[in-house]
C-alpha atoms as a PDB file:
ATOM      1  CA  UNK A   1       4.537  37.809  14.121  1.00  0.00           C
ATOM      2  CA  UNK A   2       6.435  40.842  15.549  1.00  0.00           C
ATOM      3  CA  UNK A   3       9.690  42.319  14.885  1.00  0.00           C
ATOM      4  CA  UNK A   4      11.273  44.733  17.149  1.00  0.00           C
ATOM      5  CA  UNK A   5      12.221  48.090  15.618  1.00  0.00           C
ATOM      6  CA  UNK A   6      10.245  47.308  12.582  1.00  0.00           C
ATOM      7  CA  UNK A   7       7.434  49.622  11.300  1.00  0.00           C
ATOM      8  CA  UNK A   8       3.977  48.746  12.953  1.00  0.00           C
ATOM      9  CA  UNK A   9       1.168  47.924  10.523  1.00  0.00           C
ATOM     10  CA  UNK A  10      -2.306  47.580  11.879  1.00  0.00           C
ATOM     11  CA  UNK A  11      -4.329  45.310   9.721  1.00  0.00           C
ATOM     12  CA  UNK A  12      -8.164  45.942  10.211  1.00  0.00           C
ATOM     13  CA  UNK A  13      -9.992  43.200   8.292  1.00  0.00           C
ATOM     14  CA  UNK A  14     -13.315  41.337   9.408  1.00  0.00           C
ATOM     15  CA  UNK A  15     -12.534  38.367   7.134  1.00  0.00           C
ATOM     16  CA  UNK A  16     -10.111  36.167   8.954  1.00  0.00           C
ATOM     17  CA  UNK A  17      -8.651  34.471   5.874  1.00  0.00           C
ATOM     18  CA  UNK A  18      -7.786  37.890   4.421  1.00  0.00           C
ATOM     19  CA  UNK A  19      -6.526  39.244   7.584  1.00  0.00           C
ATOM     20  CA  UNK A  20      -4.238  36.214   7.861  1.00  0.00           C
ATOM     21  CA  UNK A  21      -3.013  36.370   4.143  1.00  0.00           C
ATOM     22  CA  UNK A  22      -2.054  40.148   4.672  1.00  0.00           C
ATOM     23  CA  UNK A  23      -0.277  39.166   7.957  1.00  0.00           C
ATOM     24  CA  UNK A  24       1.606  36.361   6.195  1.00  0.00           C
ATOM     25  CA  UNK A  25       2.642  38.859   3.301  1.00  0.00           C
ATOM     26  CA  UNK A  26       3.798  41.415   5.656  1.00  0.00           C
ATOM     27  CA  UNK A  27       4.865  39.706   8.871  1.00  0.00           C
ATOM     28  CA  UNK A  28       8.469  39.180   7.685  1.00  0.00           C
ATOM     29  CA  UNK A  29       9.248  42.999   7.240  1.00  0.00           C
ATOM     30  CA  UNK A  30       6.657  44.705   9.602  1.00  0.00           C
ATOM     31  CA  UNK A  31       5.519  44.300  13.119  1.00  0.00           C
ATOM     32  CA  UNK A  32       1.829  43.335  12.336  1.00  0.00           C
ATOM     33  CA  UNK A  33      -1.207  43.764  14.582  1.00  0.00           C
ATOM     34  CA  UNK A  34      -4.572  42.332  13.554  1.00  0.00           C
ATOM     35  CA  UNK A  35      -8.092  43.788  14.395  1.00  0.00           C
ATOM     36  CA  UNK A  36     -11.189  41.951  13.442  1.00  0.00           C
ATOM     37  CA  UNK A  37     -13.470  45.161  13.558  1.00  0.00           C
ATOM     38  CA  UNK A  38     -13.416  48.802  14.181  1.00  0.00           C
ATOM     39  CA  UNK A  39     -13.610  48.709  18.101  1.00  0.00           C
ATOM     40  CA  UNK A  40     -10.734  46.413  18.095  1.00  0.00           C
ATOM     41  CA  UNK A  41      -8.706  48.593  15.760  1.00  0.00           C
ATOM     42  CA  UNK A  42      -9.242  51.634  17.990  1.00  0.00           C
ATOM     43  CA  UNK A  43      -8.264  49.608  21.049  1.00  0.00           C
ATOM     44  CA  UNK A  44      -4.889  48.534  19.391  1.00  0.00           C
ATOM     45  CA  UNK A  45      -4.077  51.807  17.969  1.00  0.00           C
ATOM     46  CA  UNK A  46      -1.485  53.906  19.574  1.00  0.00           C
ATOM     47  CA  UNK A  47       1.421  56.225  18.812  1.00  0.00           C
ATOM     48  CA  UNK A  48       3.577  53.244  17.645  1.00  0.00           C
ATOM     49  CA  UNK A  49       1.311  52.413  14.658  1.00  0.00           C
ATOM     50  CA  UNK A  50       2.815  53.711  11.436  1.00  0.00           C
ATOM     51  CA  UNK A  51       0.425  52.487   8.876  1.00  0.00           C
ATOM     52  CA  UNK A  52      -3.210  51.243   9.108  1.00  0.00           C
ATOM     53  CA  UNK A  53      -4.761  48.975   6.367  1.00  0.00           C
ATOM     54  CA  UNK A  54      -8.370  49.543   6.924  1.00  0.00           C
ATOM     55  CA  UNK A  55     -11.177  47.589   5.377  1.00  0.00           C
ATOM     56  CA  UNK A  56     -13.917  49.899   4.536  1.00  0.00           C
ATOM     57  CA  UNK A  57     -16.992  47.703   4.897  1.00  0.00           C
ATOM     58  CA  UNK A  58     -17.145  46.002   8.236  1.00  0.00           C
ATOM     59  CA  UNK A  59     -20.078  45.063  10.305  1.00  0.00           C
ATOM     60  CA  UNK A  60     -20.636  47.425  13.351  1.00  0.00           C
ATOM     61  CA  UNK A  61     -18.298  50.192  13.011  1.00  0.00           C
ATOM     62  CA  UNK A  62     -17.362  50.983   9.348  1.00  0.00           C
ATOM     63  CA  UNK A  63     -13.849  51.722   8.101  1.00  0.00           C
ATOM     64  CA  UNK A  64     -15.117  55.318   7.388  1.00  0.00           C
ATOM     65  CA  UNK A  65     -16.039  55.755  11.020  1.00  0.00           C
ATOM     66  CA  UNK A  66     -12.708  54.293  12.221  1.00  0.00           C
ATOM     67  CA  UNK A  67     -10.737  56.576   9.802  1.00  0.00           C
ATOM     68  CA  UNK A  68     -12.691  59.528  11.295  1.00  0.00           C
ATOM     69  CA  UNK A  69     -11.849  58.472  14.828  1.00  0.00           C
ATOM     70  CA  UNK A  70      -8.142  57.965  13.962  1.00  0.00           C
ATOM     71  CA  UNK A  71      -8.077  61.589  12.477  1.00  0.00           C
ATOM     72  CA  UNK A  72     -10.107  62.892  15.586  1.00  0.00           C
ATOM     73  CA  UNK A  73      -7.583  61.389  17.811  1.00  0.00           C
ATOM     74  CA  UNK A  74      -4.751  63.084  15.800  1.00  0.00           C
ATOM     75  CA  UNK A  75      -2.761  59.756  15.651  1.00  0.00           C
ATOM     76  CA  UNK A  76       0.320  60.290  13.453  1.00  0.00           C
ATOM     77  CA  UNK A  77      -0.071  57.440  11.075  1.00  0.00           C
ATOM     78  CA  UNK A  78      -0.846  56.900   7.505  1.00  0.00           C
ATOM     79  CA  UNK A  79      -4.072  55.121   6.645  1.00  0.00           C
ATOM     80  CA  UNK A  80      -4.882  53.091   3.543  1.00  0.00           C
ATOM     81  CA  UNK A  81      -8.465  52.085   2.862  1.00  0.00           C
ATOM     82  CA  UNK A  82      -8.615  48.605   1.416  1.00  0.00           C
ATOM     83  CA  UNK A  83     -11.943  47.886   0.037  1.00  0.00           C
ATOM     84  CA  UNK A  84     -13.782  45.808  -2.575  1.00  0.00           C
ATOM     85  CA  UNK A  85     -16.040  48.994  -3.086  1.00  0.00           C
ATOM     86  CA  UNK A  86     -14.776  51.152  -5.869  1.00  0.00           C
ATOM     87  CA  UNK A  87     -14.165  54.697  -4.638  1.00  0.00           C
ATOM     88  CA  UNK A  88     -16.797  57.181  -5.020  1.00  0.00           C
ATOM     89  CA  UNK A  89     -16.755  61.035  -4.422  1.00  0.00           C
ATOM     90  CA  UNK A  90     -17.361  60.479  -0.771  1.00  0.00           C
ATOM     91  CA  UNK A  91     -13.678  59.699  -0.501  1.00  0.00           C
ATOM     92  CA  UNK A  92     -12.879  63.497  -1.278  1.00  0.00           C
ATOM     93  CA  UNK A  93     -13.541  64.428   2.351  1.00  0.00           C
ATOM     94  CA  UNK A  94     -11.994  61.480   4.025  1.00  0.00           C
ATOM     95  CA  UNK A  95      -8.566  61.694   5.684  1.00  0.00           C
ATOM     96  CA  UNK A  96      -7.269  58.678   3.986  1.00  0.00           C
ATOM     97  CA  UNK A  97      -3.656  58.557   2.553  1.00  0.00           C
ATOM     98  CA  UNK A  98      -4.293  55.957  -0.080  1.00  0.00           C
ATOM     99  CA  UNK A  99      -7.152  53.888  -1.529  1.00  0.00           C
ATOM    100  CA  UNK A 100      -6.520  50.135  -2.478  1.00  0.00           C
ATOM    101  CA  UNK A 101      -9.148  48.127  -4.253  1.00  0.00           C
ATOM    102  CA  UNK A 102      -9.333  44.673  -3.369  1.00  0.00           C
ATOM    103  CA  UNK A 103      -8.097  42.175  -3.961  1.00  0.00           C
ATOM    104  CA  UNK A 104      -4.661  43.609  -3.806  1.00  0.00           C
ATOM    105  CA  UNK A 105      -1.562  41.592  -4.796  1.00  0.00           C
ATOM    106  CA  UNK A 106       1.262  41.014  -2.449  1.00  0.00           C
ATOM    107  CA  UNK A 107       3.504  43.291  -4.054  1.00  0.00           C
ATOM    108  CA  UNK A 108       1.019  46.147  -4.540  1.00  0.00           C
ATOM    109  CA  UNK A 109       0.233  45.946  -0.837  1.00  0.00           C
ATOM    110  CA  UNK A 110       3.962  46.037   0.081  1.00  0.00           C
ATOM    111  CA  UNK A 111       4.530  48.876  -2.272  1.00  0.00           C
ATOM    112  CA  UNK A 112       1.668  50.815  -0.832  1.00  0.00           C
ATOM    113  CA  UNK A 113       3.067  50.299   2.609  1.00  0.00           C
ATOM    114  CA  UNK A 114       6.640  51.328   1.580  1.00  0.00           C
ATOM    115  CA  UNK A 115       5.209  54.389  -0.083  1.00  0.00           C
ATOM    116  CA  UNK A 116       3.043  55.374   2.952  1.00  0.00           C
ATOM    117  CA  UNK A 117       6.147  54.988   5.185  1.00  0.00           C
ATOM    118  CA  UNK A 118       8.169  57.166   3.029  1.00  0.00           C
ATOM    119  CA  UNK A 119       5.526  59.977   3.111  1.00  0.00           C
ATOM    120  CA  UNK A 120       5.668  59.666   6.937  1.00  0.00           C
ATOM    121  CA  UNK A 121       9.070  61.519   6.989  1.00  0.00           C
ATOM    122  CA  UNK A 122       7.664  64.386   4.751  1.00  0.00           C
ATOM    123  CA  UNK A 123       6.381  67.734   6.174  1.00  0.00           C
ATOM    124  CA  UNK A 124       2.576  68.035   6.600  1.00  0.00           C
ATOM    125  CA  UNK A 125       2.019  70.162   3.169  1.00  0.00           C
ATOM    126  CA  UNK A 126       3.733  67.405   1.100  1.00  0.00           C
ATOM    127  CA  UNK A 127       1.750  64.654   2.968  1.00  0.00           C
ATOM    128  CA  UNK A 128      -1.408  66.337   2.278  1.00  0.00           C
ATOM    129  CA  UNK A 129      -0.487  66.866  -1.461  1.00  0.00           C
ATOM    130  CA  UNK A 130       0.042  63.126  -1.721  1.00  0.00           C
ATOM    131  CA  UNK A 131      -3.147  62.373   0.109  1.00  0.00           C
ATOM    132  CA  UNK A 132      -5.062  64.505  -2.295  1.00  0.00           C
ATOM    133  CA  UNK A 133      -3.423  63.004  -5.208  1.00  0.00           C
ATOM    134  CA  UNK A 134      -4.096  59.419  -4.097  1.00  0.00           C
ATOM    135  CA  UNK A 135      -7.910  60.396  -3.786  1.00  0.00           C
ATOM    136  CA  UNK A 136      -7.776  61.929  -7.287  1.00  0.00           C
ATOM    137  CA  UNK A 137      -6.098  58.897  -8.704  1.00  0.00           C
ATOM    138  CA  UNK A 138      -8.317  56.369  -7.177  1.00  0.00           C
ATOM    139  CA  UNK A 139     -11.497  58.293  -8.625  1.00  0.00           C
ATOM    140  CA  UNK A 140      -9.872  58.501 -12.016  1.00  0.00           C
ATOM    141  CA  UNK A 141      -9.056  54.799 -12.081  1.00  0.00           C
ATOM    142  CA  UNK A 142     -12.766  53.909 -11.565  1.00  0.00           C
ATOM    143  CA  UNK A 143     -14.739  56.825 -13.373  1.00  0.00           C
ATOM    144  CA  UNK A 144     -14.619  58.073 -16.899  1.00  0.00           C
ATOM    145  CA  UNK A 145     -13.352  61.633 -17.572  1.00  0.00           C
ATOM    146  CA  UNK A 146     -16.956  62.580 -18.535  1.00  0.00           C
ATOM    147  CA  UNK A 147     -18.414  61.257 -15.417  1.00  0.00           C
ATOM    148  CA  UNK A 148     -15.692  63.088 -13.332  1.00  0.00           C
ATOM    149  CA  UNK A 149     -16.361  66.343 -15.271  1.00  0.00           C
ATOM    150  CA  UNK A 150     -19.911  66.476 -13.901  1.00  0.00           C
ATOM    151  CA  UNK A 151     -18.981  65.842 -10.338  1.00  0.00           C
ATOM    152  CA  UNK A 152     -18.567  69.091  -8.175  1.00  0.00           C
ATOM    153  CA  UNK A 153     -16.880  67.078  -5.435  1.00  0.00           C
ATOM    154  CA  UNK A 154     -14.237  65.980  -7.944  1.00  0.00           C
ATOM    155  CA  UNK A 155     -13.737  69.618  -9.170  1.00  0.00           C
ATOM    156  CA  UNK A 156     -13.403  70.713  -5.604  1.00  0.00           C
ATOM    157  CA  UNK A 157     -10.653  68.002  -5.111  1.00  0.00           C
ATOM    158  CA  UNK A 158      -8.687  69.204  -8.098  1.00  0.00           C
ATOM    159  CA  UNK A 159      -8.730  72.733  -6.655  1.00  0.00           C
ATOM    160  CA  UNK A 160      -7.603  71.550  -3.335  1.00  0.00           C
ATOM    161  CA  UNK A 161      -4.909  69.568  -5.114  1.00  0.00           C
ATOM    162  CA  UNK A 162      -3.810  72.652  -6.878  1.00  0.00           C
ATOM    163  CA  UNK A 163      -3.625  74.799  -3.722  1.00  0.00           C
ATOM    164  CA  UNK A 164      -1.583  72.087  -2.092  1.00  0.00           C
ATOM    165  CA  UNK A 165       0.718  71.906  -4.971  1.00  0.00           C
ATOM    166  CA  UNK A 166       1.290  75.630  -4.658  1.00  0.00           C
ATOM    167  CA  UNK A 167       1.915  75.432  -0.922  1.00  0.00           C
ATOM    168  CA  UNK A 168       4.582  72.733  -1.615  1.00  0.00           C
ATOM    169  CA  UNK A 169       6.244  74.647  -4.546  1.00  0.00           C
ATOM    170  CA  UNK A 170       6.461  77.680  -2.303  1.00  0.00           C
ATOM    171  CA  UNK A 171       8.369  75.854   0.293  1.00  0.00           C
ATOM    172  CA  UNK A 172      10.970  74.771  -2.291  1.00  0.00           C
END
């Protein structure tokens, strides 16, 4: 299902039924590409990809490793980690733009992609701010304030977010 001149969404999912469902949900509005594992994802990744929906837990190359390689290649795309695993403080250092806990709803997934596409047009400091805020929001959705207060990685994330907010405010 491809549409010319539509944003390209690379769906990286090792469960064929889930990948097909995402393709059905998104194929009418986006040019979708499917990859069943990390190696396929990287082979199908190029400068035309706008958004990557990346399963975190896959056999072989994990979503974390694929994300690191996407960022190492400096591909200009937004990445949403889509996982049945609740986010932990390890996401603080990841270069993800959004974290979606499975199972997503059709509208939730479509809203995530629309938001990420919007962010693509923003300058780098604003994109960084949104990425950091998404990580904070993901952690806050799955951890109590008391738990978060004891995590130095979370406190470091809050500091990074404040510095990013200040950079964005100074640009206005």
